[in-house]
C-alpha atoms as a PDB file:
ATOM      1  CA  MET A   1     -30.240 -25.198  24.736  1.00  0.00           C
ATOM      2  CA  PHE A   2     -28.072 -22.016  24.402  1.00  0.00           C
ATOM      3  CA  LYS A   3     -26.884 -20.174  27.503  1.00  0.00           C
ATOM      4  CA  ASP A   4     -27.977 -16.390  27.887  1.00  0.00           C
ATOM      5  CA  TRP A   5     -24.502 -15.155  27.007  1.00  0.00           C
ATOM      6  CA  GLN A   6     -24.604 -17.340  23.829  1.00  0.00           C
ATOM      7  CA  LEU A   7     -27.903 -15.866  22.835  1.00  0.00           C
ATOM      8  CA  ALA A   8     -26.598 -12.325  23.423  1.00  0.00           C
ATOM      9  CA  MET A   9     -23.615 -12.953  21.306  1.00  0.00           C
ATOM     10  CA  MET A  10     -25.694 -14.588  18.426  1.00  0.00           C
ATOM     11  CA  GLU A  11     -27.944 -11.493  18.547  1.00  0.00           C
ATOM     12  CA  ASP A  12     -24.923  -9.242  18.545  1.00  0.00           C
ATOM     13  CA  TYR A  13     -23.674 -10.646  15.297  1.00  0.00           C
ATOM     14  CA  GLY A  14     -27.098 -10.720  13.663  1.00  0.00           C
ATOM     15  CA  LEU A  15     -27.737 -14.354  13.972  1.00  0.00           C
ATOM     16  CA  THR A  16     -31.083 -14.297  15.365  1.00  0.00           C
ATOM     17  CA  ASP A  17     -34.470 -12.968  13.964  1.00  0.00           C
ATOM     18  CA  THR A  18     -35.133 -10.862  16.801  1.00  0.00           C
ATOM     19  CA  ASN A  19     -35.451  -7.019  16.084  1.00  0.00           C
ATOM     20  CA  THR A  20     -32.199  -6.319  17.612  1.00  0.00           C
ATOM     21  CA  GLY A  21     -30.498  -9.162  15.781  1.00  0.00           C
ATOM     22  CA  LEU A  22     -31.920  -8.132  12.263  1.00  0.00           C
ATOM     23  CA  ILE A  23     -30.402  -4.642  13.021  1.00  0.00           C
ATOM     24  CA  ASN A  24     -27.282  -5.833  14.055  1.00  0.00           C
ATOM     25  CA  ARG A  25     -27.287  -8.017  10.686  1.00  0.00           C
ATOM     26  CA  VAL A  26     -27.551  -5.021   8.536  1.00  0.00           C
ATOM     27  CA  ALA A  27     -25.226  -2.968  10.642  1.00  0.00           C
ATOM     28  CA  ARG A  28     -22.413  -5.846  10.105  1.00  0.00           C
ATOM     29  CA  ARG A  29     -23.271  -5.793   6.476  1.00  0.00           C
ATOM     30  CA  LEU A  30     -23.056  -1.789   6.029  1.00  0.00           C
ATOM     31  CA  ALA A  31     -19.859  -1.819   8.132  1.00  0.00           C
ATOM     32  CA  GLU A  32     -18.177  -3.357   5.272  1.00  0.00           C
ATOM     33  CA  SER A  33     -18.873  -0.402   3.069  1.00  0.00           C
ATOM     34  CA  PRO A  34     -15.848   1.617   2.090  1.00  0.00           C
ATOM     35  CA  ASN A  35     -18.302   4.633   2.167  1.00  0.00           C
ATOM     36  CA  ASP A  36     -18.355   7.059   4.924  1.00  0.00           C
ATOM     37  CA  THR A  37     -22.156   7.995   4.055  1.00  0.00           C
ATOM     38  CA  ILE A  38     -24.680   5.194   3.440  1.00  0.00           C
ATOM     39  CA  GLU A  39     -27.094   6.129   0.630  1.00  0.00           C
ATOM     40  CA  THR A  40     -30.735   4.778   0.441  1.00  0.00           C
ATOM     41  CA  ASP A  41     -29.726   2.411  -2.313  1.00  0.00           C
ATOM     42  CA  GLU A  42     -26.944   0.972  -0.242  1.00  0.00           C
ATOM     43  CA  PHE A  43     -29.010   0.551   2.748  1.00  0.00           C
ATOM     44  CA  ARG A  44     -31.825  -1.241   0.838  1.00  0.00           C
ATOM     45  CA  SER A  45     -29.224  -3.479  -0.646  1.00  0.00           C
ATOM     46  CA  ALA A  46     -27.688  -4.371   2.880  1.00  0.00           C
ATOM     47  CA  CYS A  47     -31.127  -5.154   4.054  1.00  0.00           C
ATOM     48  CA  LEU A  48     -32.324  -7.235   1.206  1.00  0.00           C
ATOM     49  CA  SER A  49     -28.927  -9.085   1.165  1.00  0.00           C
ATOM     50  CA  SER A  50     -29.307  -9.822   4.827  1.00  0.00           C
ATOM     51  CA  GLY A  51     -32.853 -10.982   4.548  1.00  0.00           C
ATOM     52  CA  VAL A  52     -34.344  -7.853   6.139  1.00  0.00           C
ATOM     53  CA  ASP A  53     -37.283  -5.973   4.752  1.00  0.00           C
ATOM     54  CA  PRO A  54     -35.798  -2.303   4.640  1.00  0.00           C
ATOM     55  CA  ASP A  55     -39.223  -0.954   4.815  1.00  0.00           C
ATOM     56  CA  SER A  56     -39.839  -2.492   8.281  1.00  0.00           C
ATOM     57  CA  PHE A  57     -37.198  -0.201   9.742  1.00  0.00           C
ATOM     58  CA  THR A  58     -38.732   2.511  12.177  1.00  0.00           C
ATOM     59  CA  GLY A  59     -37.332   5.688  13.174  1.00  0.00           C
ATOM     60  CA  SER A  60     -35.897   4.152  16.341  1.00  0.00           C
ATOM     61  CA  ASP A  61     -34.652   1.208  14.375  1.00  0.00           C
ATOM     62  CA  LEU A  62     -32.620   3.421  12.311  1.00  0.00           C
ATOM     63  CA  ALA A  63     -31.333   5.186  15.460  1.00  0.00           C
ATOM     64  CA  GLU A  64     -30.402   1.709  16.803  1.00  0.00           C
ATOM     65  CA  LEU A  65     -28.642   0.904  13.567  1.00  0.00           C
ATOM     66  CA  GLN A  66     -26.742   4.242  13.597  1.00  0.00           C
ATOM     67  CA  ARG A  67     -25.651   3.220  17.308  1.00  0.00           C
ATOM     68  CA  LYS A  68     -24.459  -0.139  16.220  1.00  0.00           C
ATOM     69  CA  LEU A  69     -22.670   1.156  13.164  1.00  0.00           C
ATOM     70  CA  ASN A  70     -20.853   3.750  15.343  1.00  0.00           C
ATOM     71  CA  GLU A  71     -19.754   0.918  17.915  1.00  0.00           C
ATOM     72  CA  ILE A  72     -18.419  -1.627  15.242  1.00  0.00           C
ATOM     73  CA  THR A  73     -16.787   0.876  12.927  1.00  0.00           C
END
């Protein structure tokens, strides 16, 4: 079994299928973008290439995504 800190690290890097893990997975993909602003098409592409349904994002998920992007970029 994994220890709590290992699970937290996996979630932080988007390696889990928890809500936070999925958001972090997309954030890490978007952080690779050379663009300062993320357009809808780029967001959707990052989601799909990360195995995340872009239509499943709520307002609070988008706020969390922005927070994570600010943290890692």
